[in-house]
Amino acid sequence: MTTQDPLILGFPEYRKQTQQLAQAADLDYAEVQLHHFPDGESKVRLPLELPEHLIFCRSLHHPNDKLVELMLAAQGARNQGAKTLSLVAPYLCYMRQDKAFHPGEVVSQKIIGGLIASHFDNILTVDAHLHRVHHLADAVPAKQAINITATEPMAHFLRQKIEQPLLIGPDEESEQWVAEIAALQNLDYTVATKQRLGDRDVHISLPAGNFTGKNIVLVDDVASTGKTLLAAVRLLAPYHPASISILVTHAFFVDDAIHQLKNAGVRNIWSCDSIPHPTNAISLADSLARNLDFSETHPSQAGSH
């Protein structure tokens, strides 16, 4: 390895996915070593020899400890002479809170986005959960802030699994992903409407349509509690579809969400490997590797939600 070759640095909990990224990008892989002290503090250790360009890869679900360790690693790399630091965060945290909905609420998106940009020259993420912000660079003001979508590998995967499914977005926010996957495979799609009453309380209304006997695939970017998907599944059940499957980019499915969805009649639950989860079925390594040349201009950095 010469100083001109970037090095991909991974972390233990995302080792498999980062090694796949390094292989797809034809780059060397090394790992950040972590030690956690009894008081909760982290000790971070980097390789002794570093090239000028380091590409850190870490998915930022359950982010608080990870962010501190990333900041320590980034500053340590600068101290060792690294000139350019890039971050591949397949799941990017703290993007939801882009305004104060109640007096006194902290707008975490701007703060965390600014923190990341202060340590990393470039950031690459997948299907960032943006609402009123339409460009990732507005949330993370790095030199290059690239937000790619997982719709192409998701569409390719779906083509191999189900013939002519009907795609349904469980709410209006999901329409961009549903529409793009449908367009890539020439599939029919429709979108439900949602009224959110709380973090775990939602009301779903299905559009008019014939769902009987159809192989239905519910498509969304993030599945947290799974309540939105569960509500949609329960509304579809009386139509007796041939099957109901779920396809998401980022899989949390907290608590007993998977159990509830399976009990409600869901046959398949598939996700991308942006967050390690038992439902992972789609690798993002190739899509991420194609976007690792941060010297190029990326025209499609918008990431509206």
C-alpha atoms as a PDB file:
ATOM      1  CA  MET A   1       0.000   0.000   0.000  1.00  0.00           C
ATOM      2  CA  THR A   2       1.294   3.453  -0.908  1.00  0.00           C
ATOM      3  CA  THR A   3       0.322   6.776   0.578  1.00  0.00           C
ATOM      4  CA  GLN A   4      -1.819   7.350  -2.516  1.00  0.00           C
ATOM      5  CA  ASP A   5      -4.061   4.349  -1.801  1.00  0.00           C
ATOM      6  CA  PRO A   6      -6.988   5.013   0.582  1.00  0.00           C
ATOM      7  CA  LEU A   7      -7.437   2.620   3.472  1.00  0.00           C
ATOM      8  CA  ILE A   8     -10.848   1.499   4.692  1.00  0.00           C
ATOM      9  CA  LEU A   9     -11.073   1.412   8.486  1.00  0.00           C
ATOM     10  CA  GLY A  10     -13.828  -0.644  10.059  1.00  0.00           C
ATOM     11  CA  PHE A  11     -15.189  -1.270  13.536  1.00  0.00           C
ATOM     12  CA  PRO A  12     -15.863  -4.645  15.190  1.00  0.00           C
ATOM     13  CA  GLU A  13     -19.676  -4.511  15.136  1.00  0.00           C
ATOM     14  CA  TYR A  14     -19.784  -3.743  11.386  1.00  0.00           C
ATOM     15  CA  ARG A  15     -16.795  -5.866  10.312  1.00  0.00           C
ATOM     16  CA  LYS A  16     -18.470  -8.148   7.760  1.00  0.00           C
ATOM     17  CA  GLN A  17     -20.146  -5.331   5.835  1.00  0.00           C
ATOM     18  CA  THR A  18     -17.015  -3.157   5.847  1.00  0.00           C
ATOM     19  CA  GLN A  19     -14.833  -6.004   4.625  1.00  0.00           C
ATOM     20  CA  GLN A  20     -17.303  -6.538   1.780  1.00  0.00           C
ATOM     21  CA  LEU A  21     -17.063  -2.840   0.946  1.00  0.00           C
ATOM     22  CA  ALA A  22     -13.265  -2.984   0.897  1.00  0.00           C
ATOM     23  CA  GLN A  23     -13.374  -6.000  -1.408  1.00  0.00           C
ATOM     24  CA  ALA A  24     -15.883  -4.334  -3.752  1.00  0.00           C
ATOM     25  CA  ALA A  25     -13.737  -1.177  -3.858  1.00  0.00           C
ATOM     26  CA  ASP A  26     -10.476  -3.136  -4.213  1.00  0.00           C
ATOM     27  CA  LEU A  27      -9.008  -1.349  -1.193  1.00  0.00           C
ATOM     28  CA  ASP A  28      -7.153  -2.593   1.859  1.00  0.00           C
ATOM     29  CA  TYR A  29      -9.051  -3.081   5.112  1.00  0.00           C
ATOM     30  CA  ALA A  30      -7.902  -2.474   8.662  1.00  0.00           C
ATOM     31  CA  GLU A  31      -9.818  -2.234  11.908  1.00  0.00           C
ATOM     32  CA  VAL A  32     -10.075   0.304  14.697  1.00  0.00           C
ATOM     33  CA  GLN A  33      -9.434  -1.460  17.989  1.00  0.00           C
ATOM     34  CA  LEU A  34     -11.746  -0.567  20.852  1.00  0.00           C
ATOM     35  CA  HIS A  35     -11.529  -1.188  24.579  1.00  0.00           C
ATOM     36  CA  HIS A  36     -14.306  -0.217  26.963  1.00  0.00           C
ATOM     37  CA  PHE A  37     -13.332   0.650  30.517  1.00  0.00           C
ATOM     38  CA  PRO A  38     -15.614  -0.206  33.455  1.00  0.00           C
ATOM     39  CA  ASP A  39     -16.687   3.440  33.731  1.00  0.00           C
ATOM     40  CA  GLY A  40     -17.985   3.433  30.144  1.00  0.00           C
ATOM     41  CA  GLU A  41     -15.121   5.327  28.525  1.00  0.00           C
ATOM     42  CA  SER A  42     -13.573   4.027  25.303  1.00  0.00           C
ATOM     43  CA  LYS A  43      -9.947   3.516  24.363  1.00  0.00           C
ATOM     44  CA  VAL A  44      -9.408   3.791  20.605  1.00  0.00           C
ATOM     45  CA  ARG A  45      -6.374   2.396  18.791  1.00  0.00           C
ATOM     46  CA  LEU A  46      -5.526   2.998  15.114  1.00  0.00           C
ATOM     47  CA  PRO A  47      -3.052   1.203  12.837  1.00  0.00           C
ATOM     48  CA  LEU A  48       0.457   2.621  13.214  1.00  0.00           C
ATOM     49  CA  GLU A  49       0.912   3.419   9.519  1.00  0.00           C
ATOM     50  CA  LEU A  50      -1.834   5.402   7.822  1.00  0.00           C
ATOM     51  CA  PRO A  51      -2.172   6.679   4.256  1.00  0.00           C
ATOM     52  CA  GLU A  52      -3.142  10.255   3.479  1.00  0.00           C
ATOM     53  CA  HIS A  53      -6.777   9.293   2.798  1.00  0.00           C
ATOM     54  CA  LEU A  54      -8.701   7.234   5.337  1.00  0.00           C
ATOM     55  CA  ILE A  55     -12.227   5.983   4.755  1.00  0.00           C
ATOM     56  CA  PHE A  56     -13.955   5.113   8.025  1.00  0.00           C
ATOM     57  CA  CYS A  57     -17.009   2.867   7.735  1.00  0.00           C
ATOM     58  CA  ARG A  58     -19.453   2.655  10.603  1.00  0.00           C
ATOM     59  CA  SER A  59     -23.222   2.448  10.636  1.00  0.00           C
ATOM     60  CA  LEU A  60     -24.618   4.876  13.194  1.00  0.00           C
ATOM     61  CA  HIS A  61     -27.571   3.053  14.717  1.00  0.00           C
ATOM     62  CA  HIS A  62     -27.461   3.269  18.537  1.00  0.00           C
ATOM     63  CA  PRO A  63     -25.146   6.192  17.880  1.00  0.00           C
ATOM     64  CA  ASN A  64     -24.090   7.895  21.089  1.00  0.00           C
ATOM     65  CA  ASP A  65     -21.025   5.808  22.013  1.00  0.00           C
ATOM     66  CA  LYS A  66     -20.185   5.327  18.337  1.00  0.00           C
ATOM     67  CA  LEU A  67     -20.066   9.068  17.684  1.00  0.00           C
ATOM     68  CA  VAL A  68     -17.613   9.675  20.531  1.00  0.00           C
ATOM     69  CA  GLU A  69     -15.376   6.842  19.300  1.00  0.00           C
ATOM     70  CA  LEU A  70     -15.535   8.155  15.741  1.00  0.00           C
ATOM     71  CA  MET A  71     -14.491  11.629  16.868  1.00  0.00           C
ATOM     72  CA  LEU A  72     -11.577  10.186  18.846  1.00  0.00           C
ATOM     73  CA  ALA A  73     -10.511   8.056  15.879  1.00  0.00           C
ATOM     74  CA  ALA A  74     -10.772  10.965  13.445  1.00  0.00           C
ATOM     75  CA  GLN A  75      -8.709  13.332  15.561  1.00  0.00           C
ATOM     76  CA  GLY A  76      -6.191  10.584  16.249  1.00  0.00           C
ATOM     77  CA  ALA A  77      -5.833   9.989  12.513  1.00  0.00           C
ATOM     78  CA  ARG A  78      -5.247  13.716  11.942  1.00  0.00           C
ATOM     79  CA  ASN A  79      -2.585  13.647  14.655  1.00  0.00           C
ATOM     80  CA  GLN A  80      -0.898  10.762  12.832  1.00  0.00           C
ATOM     81  CA  GLY A  81      -0.763  12.761   9.613  1.00  0.00           C
ATOM     82  CA  ALA A  82      -3.871  11.755   7.675  1.00  0.00           C
ATOM     83  CA  LYS A  83      -4.874  14.532   5.283  1.00  0.00           C
ATOM     84  CA  THR A  84      -8.345  13.472   4.117  1.00  0.00           C
ATOM     85  CA  LEU A  85     -10.939  11.689   6.220  1.00  0.00           C
ATOM     86  CA  SER A  86     -14.106  10.255   4.729  1.00  0.00           C
ATOM     87  CA  LEU A  87     -16.983   8.589   6.551  1.00  0.00           C
ATOM     88  CA  VAL A  88     -19.220   5.901   5.115  1.00  0.00           C
ATOM     89  CA  ALA A  89     -22.252   5.721   7.407  1.00  0.00           C
ATOM     90  CA  PRO A  90     -24.795   3.435   5.704  1.00  0.00           C
ATOM     91  CA  TYR A  91     -27.293   4.456   8.384  1.00  0.00           C
ATOM     92  CA  LEU A  92     -26.944   8.079   9.450  1.00  0.00           C
ATOM     93  CA  CYS A  93     -28.258   9.026  12.881  1.00  0.00           C
ATOM     94  CA  TYR A  94     -30.079  12.108  14.207  1.00  0.00           C
ATOM     95  CA  MET A  95     -31.607  13.139  10.875  1.00  0.00           C
ATOM     96  CA  ARG A  96     -35.254  13.174  12.030  1.00  0.00           C
ATOM     97  CA  GLN A  97     -35.111  16.191  14.353  1.00  0.00           C
ATOM     98  CA  ASP A  98     -34.705  19.003  11.818  1.00  0.00           C
ATOM     99  CA  LYS A  99     -36.875  21.558  13.642  1.00  0.00           C
ATOM    100  CA  ALA A 100     -38.130  22.329  17.126  1.00  0.00           C
ATOM    101  CA  PHE A 101     -41.664  20.968  17.301  1.00  0.00           C
ATOM    102  CA  HIS A 102     -42.131  22.229  20.870  1.00  0.00           C
ATOM    103  CA  PRO A 103     -40.482  25.084  22.806  1.00  0.00           C
ATOM    104  CA  GLY A 104     -37.104  24.109  24.187  1.00  0.00           C
ATOM    105  CA  GLU A 105     -36.496  21.166  21.843  1.00  0.00           C
ATOM    106  CA  VAL A 106     -32.947  20.943  20.517  1.00  0.00           C
ATOM    107  CA  VAL A 107     -32.596  20.632  16.730  1.00  0.00           C
ATOM    108  CA  SER A 108     -30.223  17.687  16.834  1.00  0.00           C
ATOM    109  CA  GLN A 109     -29.836  17.288  13.073  1.00  0.00           C
ATOM    110  CA  LYS A 110     -27.866  20.511  12.681  1.00  0.00           C
ATOM    111  CA  ILE A 111     -25.738  19.867  15.756  1.00  0.00           C
ATOM    112  CA  ILE A 112     -24.798  16.267  14.961  1.00  0.00           C
ATOM    113  CA  GLY A 113     -24.430  17.065  11.258  1.00  0.00           C
ATOM    114  CA  GLY A 114     -22.084  19.914  12.101  1.00  0.00           C
ATOM    115  CA  LEU A 115     -20.118  17.710  14.491  1.00  0.00           C
ATOM    116  CA  ILE A 116     -19.589  15.059  11.807  1.00  0.00           C
ATOM    117  CA  ALA A 117     -18.612  17.674   9.215  1.00  0.00           C
ATOM    118  CA  SER A 118     -16.084  19.209  11.606  1.00  0.00           C
ATOM    119  CA  HIS A 119     -14.149  15.920  11.715  1.00  0.00           C
ATOM    120  CA  PHE A 120     -14.739  14.400   8.268  1.00  0.00           C
ATOM    121  CA  ASP A 121     -14.131  15.962   4.872  1.00  0.00           C
ATOM    122  CA  ASN A 122     -16.634  13.694   3.115  1.00  0.00           C
ATOM    123  CA  ILE A 123     -19.632  11.611   4.086  1.00  0.00           C
ATOM    124  CA  LEU A 124     -21.480   8.893   2.185  1.00  0.00           C
ATOM    125  CA  THR A 125     -24.776   7.485   3.430  1.00  0.00           C
ATOM    126  CA  VAL A 126     -27.815   5.563   2.191  1.00  0.00           C
ATOM    127  CA  ASP A 127     -31.410   6.784   2.165  1.00  0.00           C
ATOM    128  CA  ALA A 128     -30.903   9.393   4.873  1.00  0.00           C
ATOM    129  CA  HIS A 129     -34.139   9.987   6.766  1.00  0.00           C
ATOM    130  CA  LEU A 130     -34.659  13.601   5.736  1.00  0.00           C
ATOM    131  CA  HIS A 131     -37.942  15.501   5.951  1.00  0.00           C
ATOM    132  CA  ARG A 132     -37.906  19.252   5.380  1.00  0.00           C
ATOM    133  CA  VAL A 133     -34.218  19.252   4.376  1.00  0.00           C
ATOM    134  CA  HIS A 134     -33.825  18.277   0.736  1.00  0.00           C
ATOM    135  CA  HIS A 135     -30.038  18.008   0.456  1.00  0.00           C
ATOM    136  CA  LEU A 136     -27.775  16.068   2.788  1.00  0.00           C
ATOM    137  CA  ALA A 137     -25.225  18.888   2.638  1.00  0.00           C
ATOM    138  CA  ASP A 138     -27.759  21.138   4.382  1.00  0.00           C
ATOM    139  CA  ALA A 139     -27.717  18.739   7.342  1.00  0.00           C
ATOM    140  CA  VAL A 140     -24.053  17.683   7.163  1.00  0.00           C
ATOM    141  CA  PRO A 141     -22.020  20.565   5.684  1.00  0.00           C
ATOM    142  CA  ALA A 142     -19.011  18.475   4.630  1.00  0.00           C
ATOM    143  CA  LYS A 143     -17.032  19.107   1.434  1.00  0.00           C
ATOM    144  CA  GLN A 144     -18.885  16.185  -0.134  1.00  0.00           C
ATOM    145  CA  ALA A 145     -22.142  14.942   1.401  1.00  0.00           C
ATOM    146  CA  ILE A 146     -23.483  12.104  -0.709  1.00  0.00           C
ATOM    147  CA  ASN A 147     -26.830  10.435  -0.091  1.00  0.00           C
ATOM    148  CA  ILE A 148     -27.379   7.436  -2.352  1.00  0.00           C
ATOM    149  CA  THR A 149     -30.483   5.288  -2.515  1.00  0.00           C
ATOM    150  CA  ALA A 150     -30.768   1.532  -2.088  1.00  0.00           C
ATOM    151  CA  THR A 151     -33.612   1.207  -4.587  1.00  0.00           C
ATOM    152  CA  GLU A 152     -31.498  -0.383  -7.349  1.00  0.00           C
ATOM    153  CA  PRO A 153     -30.180  -3.337  -5.307  1.00  0.00           C
ATOM    154  CA  MET A 154     -33.606  -3.662  -3.672  1.00  0.00           C
ATOM    155  CA  ALA A 155     -35.319  -3.824  -7.072  1.00  0.00           C
ATOM    156  CA  HIS A 156     -32.784  -6.374  -8.325  1.00  0.00           C
ATOM    157  CA  PHE A 157     -33.327  -8.519  -5.231  1.00  0.00           C
ATOM    158  CA  LEU A 158     -37.108  -8.325  -5.518  1.00  0.00           C
ATOM    159  CA  ARG A 159     -37.013  -9.429  -9.162  1.00  0.00           C
ATOM    160  CA  GLN A 160     -35.341 -12.664  -8.059  1.00  0.00           C
ATOM    161  CA  LYS A 161     -37.847 -13.358  -5.287  1.00  0.00           C
ATOM    162  CA  ILE A 162     -41.383 -12.521  -6.441  1.00  0.00           C
ATOM    163  CA  GLU A 163     -42.889 -12.328  -9.916  1.00  0.00           C
ATOM    164  CA  GLN A 164     -44.961  -9.194 -10.595  1.00  0.00           C
ATOM    165  CA  PRO A 165     -45.629  -8.114  -6.997  1.00  0.00           C
ATOM    166  CA  LEU A 166     -47.821  -5.170  -6.110  1.00  0.00           C
ATOM    167  CA  LEU A 167     -45.755  -2.631  -4.197  1.00  0.00           C
ATOM    168  CA  ILE A 168     -47.382  -0.594  -1.429  1.00  0.00           C
ATOM    169  CA  GLY A 169     -45.889   2.289   0.496  1.00  0.00           C
ATOM    170  CA  PRO A 170     -47.314   2.346   4.043  1.00  0.00           C
ATOM    171  CA  ASP A 171     -47.358   6.165   4.105  1.00  0.00           C
ATOM    172  CA  GLU A 172     -46.837   9.202   1.882  1.00  0.00           C
ATOM    173  CA  GLU A 173     -43.170   9.535   2.897  1.00  0.00           C
ATOM    174  CA  SER A 174     -42.363   6.130   1.424  1.00  0.00           C
ATOM    175  CA  GLU A 175     -43.603   7.010  -2.054  1.00  0.00           C
ATOM    176  CA  GLN A 176     -40.216   8.019  -3.474  1.00  0.00           C
ATOM    177  CA  TRP A 177     -38.719   4.583  -2.742  1.00  0.00           C
ATOM    178  CA  VAL A 178     -41.796   2.629  -3.829  1.00  0.00           C
ATOM    179  CA  ALA A 179     -42.086   4.596  -7.064  1.00  0.00           C
ATOM    180  CA  GLU A 180     -38.426   4.170  -7.970  1.00  0.00           C
ATOM    181  CA  ILE A 181     -38.357   0.419  -7.315  1.00  0.00           C
ATOM    182  CA  ALA A 182     -41.577   0.052  -9.285  1.00  0.00           C
ATOM    183  CA  ALA A 183     -40.118   2.030 -12.199  1.00  0.00           C
ATOM    184  CA  LEU A 184     -36.930  -0.061 -12.266  1.00  0.00           C
ATOM    185  CA  GLN A 185     -38.937  -3.297 -12.584  1.00  0.00           C
ATOM    186  CA  ASN A 186     -42.055  -1.964 -14.372  1.00  0.00           C
ATOM    187  CA  LEU A 187     -44.287  -2.858 -11.431  1.00  0.00           C
ATOM    188  CA  ASP A 188     -47.577  -1.481 -10.158  1.00  0.00           C
ATOM    189  CA  TYR A 189     -47.566   0.428  -6.891  1.00  0.00           C
ATOM    190  CA  THR A 190     -49.819   2.428  -4.616  1.00  0.00           C
ATOM    191  CA  VAL A 191     -49.358   4.382  -1.379  1.00  0.00           C
ATOM    192  CA  ALA A 192     -51.366   4.440   1.842  1.00  0.00           C
ATOM    193  CA  THR A 193     -51.912   7.486   4.045  1.00  0.00           C
ATOM    194  CA  LYS A 194     -50.830   7.708   7.660  1.00  0.00           C
ATOM    195  CA  GLN A 195     -51.789   9.739  10.685  1.00  0.00           C
ATOM    196  CA  ARG A 196     -49.193   9.471  13.453  1.00  0.00           C
ATOM    197  CA  LEU A 197     -50.678   9.745  16.940  1.00  0.00           C
ATOM    198  CA  GLY A 198     -47.464   8.899  18.806  1.00  0.00           C
ATOM    199  CA  ASP A 199     -44.148   7.030  18.515  1.00  0.00           C
ATOM    200  CA  ARG A 200     -45.989   3.695  18.634  1.00  0.00           C
ATOM    201  CA  ASP A 201     -49.528   4.715  17.637  1.00  0.00           C
ATOM    202  CA  VAL A 202     -50.437   5.236  13.976  1.00  0.00           C
ATOM    203  CA  HIS A 203     -53.583   5.190  11.871  1.00  0.00           C
ATOM    204  CA  ILE A 204     -53.327   3.911   8.287  1.00  0.00           C
ATOM    205  CA  SER A 205     -55.799   4.264   5.414  1.00  0.00           C
ATOM    206  CA  LEU A 206     -55.419   2.080   2.322  1.00  0.00           C
ATOM    207  CA  PRO A 207     -56.164   3.556  -1.096  1.00  0.00           C
ATOM    208  CA  ALA A 208     -58.950   2.052  -3.165  1.00  0.00           C
ATOM    209  CA  GLY A 209     -57.759  -1.025  -5.012  1.00  0.00           C
ATOM    210  CA  ASN A 210     -58.030  -4.753  -5.539  1.00  0.00           C
ATOM    211  CA  PHE A 211     -55.550  -6.511  -3.276  1.00  0.00           C
ATOM    212  CA  THR A 212     -57.168  -9.952  -3.394  1.00  0.00           C
ATOM    213  CA  GLY A 213     -54.861 -12.715  -4.558  1.00  0.00           C
ATOM    214  CA  LYS A 214     -51.911 -10.346  -5.068  1.00  0.00           C
ATOM    215  CA  ASN A 215     -48.344 -10.847  -3.903  1.00  0.00           C
ATOM    216  CA  ILE A 216     -47.982  -7.629  -1.932  1.00  0.00           C
ATOM    217  CA  VAL A 217     -44.667  -6.091  -0.910  1.00  0.00           C
ATOM    218  CA  LEU A 218     -44.691  -3.242   1.612  1.00  0.00           C
ATOM    219  CA  VAL A 219     -41.703  -0.965   0.956  1.00  0.00           C
ATOM    220  CA  ASP A 220     -40.209   1.620   3.337  1.00  0.00           C
ATOM    221  CA  ASP A 221     -36.878   3.211   4.206  1.00  0.00           C
ATOM    222  CA  VAL A 222     -36.843   2.740   8.002  1.00  0.00           C
ATOM    223  CA  ALA A 223     -38.654   0.198  10.161  1.00  0.00           C
ATOM    224  CA  SER A 224     -38.302   1.228  13.801  1.00  0.00           C
ATOM    225  CA  THR A 225     -41.180  -0.116  15.886  1.00  0.00           C
ATOM    226  CA  GLY A 226     -42.840  -1.659  12.826  1.00  0.00           C
ATOM    227  CA  LYS A 227     -46.202  -0.212  13.891  1.00  0.00           C
ATOM    228  CA  THR A 228     -46.831   1.530  10.555  1.00  0.00           C
ATOM    229  CA  LEU A 229     -46.137  -1.686   8.654  1.00  0.00           C
ATOM    230  CA  LEU A 230     -48.227  -3.722  11.111  1.00  0.00           C
ATOM    231  CA  ALA A 231     -51.204  -1.406  10.684  1.00  0.00           C
ATOM    232  CA  ALA A 232     -50.964  -1.772   6.902  1.00  0.00           C
ATOM    233  CA  VAL A 233     -50.709  -5.565   7.145  1.00  0.00           C
ATOM    234  CA  ARG A 234     -53.826  -5.764   9.307  1.00  0.00           C
ATOM    235  CA  LEU A 235     -55.794  -3.656   6.827  1.00  0.00           C
ATOM    236  CA  LEU A 236     -54.678  -5.880   3.946  1.00  0.00           C
ATOM    237  CA  ALA A 237     -55.558  -9.176   5.641  1.00  0.00           C
ATOM    238  CA  PRO A 238     -59.347  -9.075   4.910  1.00  0.00           C
ATOM    239  CA  TYR A 239     -58.560  -8.888   1.166  1.00  0.00           C
ATOM    240  CA  HIS A 240     -56.824 -12.298   1.367  1.00  0.00           C
ATOM    241  CA  PRO A 241     -53.728 -11.432  -0.662  1.00  0.00           C
ATOM    242  CA  ALA A 242     -51.647 -14.350  -1.946  1.00  0.00           C
ATOM    243  CA  SER A 243     -48.744 -13.166   0.225  1.00  0.00           C
ATOM    244  CA  ILE A 244     -47.490 -10.152   2.141  1.00  0.00           C
ATOM    245  CA  SER A 245     -43.780  -9.338   2.303  1.00  0.00           C
ATOM    246  CA  ILE A 246     -41.826  -6.404   3.720  1.00  0.00           C
ATOM    247  CA  LEU A 247     -38.790  -4.770   2.106  1.00  0.00           C
ATOM    248  CA  VAL A 248     -36.938  -1.977   3.933  1.00  0.00           C
ATOM    249  CA  THR A 249     -33.589  -0.230   3.734  1.00  0.00           C
ATOM    250  CA  HIS A 250     -32.886   0.222   7.453  1.00  0.00           C
ATOM    251  CA  ALA A 251     -34.142  -2.479   9.843  1.00  0.00           C
ATOM    252  CA  PHE A 252     -34.547  -1.817  13.554  1.00  0.00           C
ATOM    253  CA  PHE A 253     -37.758  -3.780  14.284  1.00  0.00           C
ATOM    254  CA  VAL A 254     -37.442  -3.104  18.022  1.00  0.00           C
ATOM    255  CA  ASP A 255     -39.000  -5.205  20.788  1.00  0.00           C
ATOM    256  CA  ASP A 256     -41.265  -7.940  19.367  1.00  0.00           C
ATOM    257  CA  ALA A 257     -41.989  -6.218  16.036  1.00  0.00           C
ATOM    258  CA  ILE A 258     -40.901  -9.214  13.938  1.00  0.00           C
ATOM    259  CA  HIS A 259     -43.069 -11.579  16.000  1.00  0.00           C
ATOM    260  CA  GLN A 260     -46.122  -9.338  15.629  1.00  0.00           C
ATOM    261  CA  LEU A 261     -45.643  -8.960  11.878  1.00  0.00           C
ATOM    262  CA  LYS A 262     -45.236 -12.703  11.371  1.00  0.00           C
ATOM    263  CA  ASN A 263     -48.333 -13.397  13.492  1.00  0.00           C
ATOM    264  CA  ALA A 264     -50.280 -10.912  11.381  1.00  0.00           C
ATOM    265  CA  GLY A 265     -49.493 -12.921   8.260  1.00  0.00           C
ATOM    266  CA  VAL A 266     -46.256 -11.493   6.843  1.00  0.00           C
ATOM    267  CA  ARG A 267     -44.419 -14.207   4.917  1.00  0.00           C
ATOM    268  CA  ASN A 268     -41.074 -12.500   4.233  1.00  0.00           C
ATOM    269  CA  ILE A 269     -39.181  -9.653   5.888  1.00  0.00           C
ATOM    270  CA  TRP A 270     -36.120  -8.417   3.973  1.00  0.00           C
ATOM    271  CA  SER A 271     -33.717  -5.555   4.648  1.00  0.00           C
ATOM    272  CA  CYS A 272     -30.471  -4.072   3.413  1.00  0.00           C
ATOM    273  CA  ASP A 273     -27.342  -4.550   5.510  1.00  0.00           C
ATOM    274  CA  SER A 274     -27.037  -0.884   6.467  1.00  0.00           C
ATOM    275  CA  ILE A 275     -27.897  -2.025  10.005  1.00  0.00           C
ATOM    276  CA  PRO A 276     -26.875  -5.562  11.054  1.00  0.00           C
ATOM    277  CA  HIS A 277     -30.129  -7.469  11.567  1.00  0.00           C
ATOM    278  CA  PRO A 278     -31.419 -11.049  11.113  1.00  0.00           C
ATOM    279  CA  THR A 279     -33.569  -9.809   8.194  1.00  0.00           C
ATOM    280  CA  ASN A 280     -30.521  -8.631   6.177  1.00  0.00           C
ATOM    281  CA  ALA A 281     -30.791  -9.976   2.628  1.00  0.00           C
ATOM    282  CA  ILE A 282     -29.361  -7.205   0.424  1.00  0.00           C
ATOM    283  CA  SER A 283     -25.724  -6.115   0.422  1.00  0.00           C
ATOM    284  CA  LEU A 284     -24.965  -2.443  -0.148  1.00  0.00           C
ATOM    285  CA  ALA A 285     -21.235  -2.991  -0.727  1.00  0.00           C
ATOM    286  CA  ASP A 286     -21.294  -2.549  -4.513  1.00  0.00           C
ATOM    287  CA  SER A 287     -23.512   0.547  -4.381  1.00  0.00           C
ATOM    288  CA  LEU A 288     -21.288   2.158  -1.756  1.00  0.00           C
ATOM    289  CA  ALA A 289     -18.074   1.201  -3.553  1.00  0.00           C
ATOM    290  CA  ARG A 290     -19.233   2.941  -6.735  1.00  0.00           C
ATOM    291  CA  ASN A 291     -19.491   6.207  -4.815  1.00  0.00           C
ATOM    292  CA  LEU A 292     -16.193   6.178  -2.911  1.00  0.00           C
ATOM    293  CA  ASP A 293     -14.348   8.495  -5.318  1.00  0.00           C
ATOM    294  CA  PHE A 294     -15.020  11.735  -3.458  1.00  0.00           C
ATOM    295  CA  SER A 295     -13.018  13.699  -6.018  1.00  0.00           C
ATOM    296  CA  GLU A 296     -15.872  13.251  -8.498  1.00  0.00           C
ATOM    297  CA  THR A 297     -18.961  15.418  -8.672  1.00  0.00           C
ATOM    298  CA  HIS A 298     -22.099  13.580  -7.573  1.00  0.00           C
ATOM    299  CA  PRO A 299     -25.104  15.228  -9.219  1.00  0.00           C
ATOM    300  CA  SER A 300     -27.748  13.297  -7.270  1.00  0.00           C
ATOM    301  CA  GLN A 301     -26.895  14.275  -3.715  1.00  0.00           C
ATOM    302  CA  ALA A 302     -30.450  15.326  -2.938  1.00  0.00           C
ATOM    303  CA  GLY A 303     -32.156  13.231  -0.319  1.00  0.00           C
ATOM    304  CA  SER A 304     -35.688  14.432   0.226  1.00  0.00           C
ATOM    305  CA  HIS A 305     -38.035  12.456   2.372  1.00  0.00           C
END
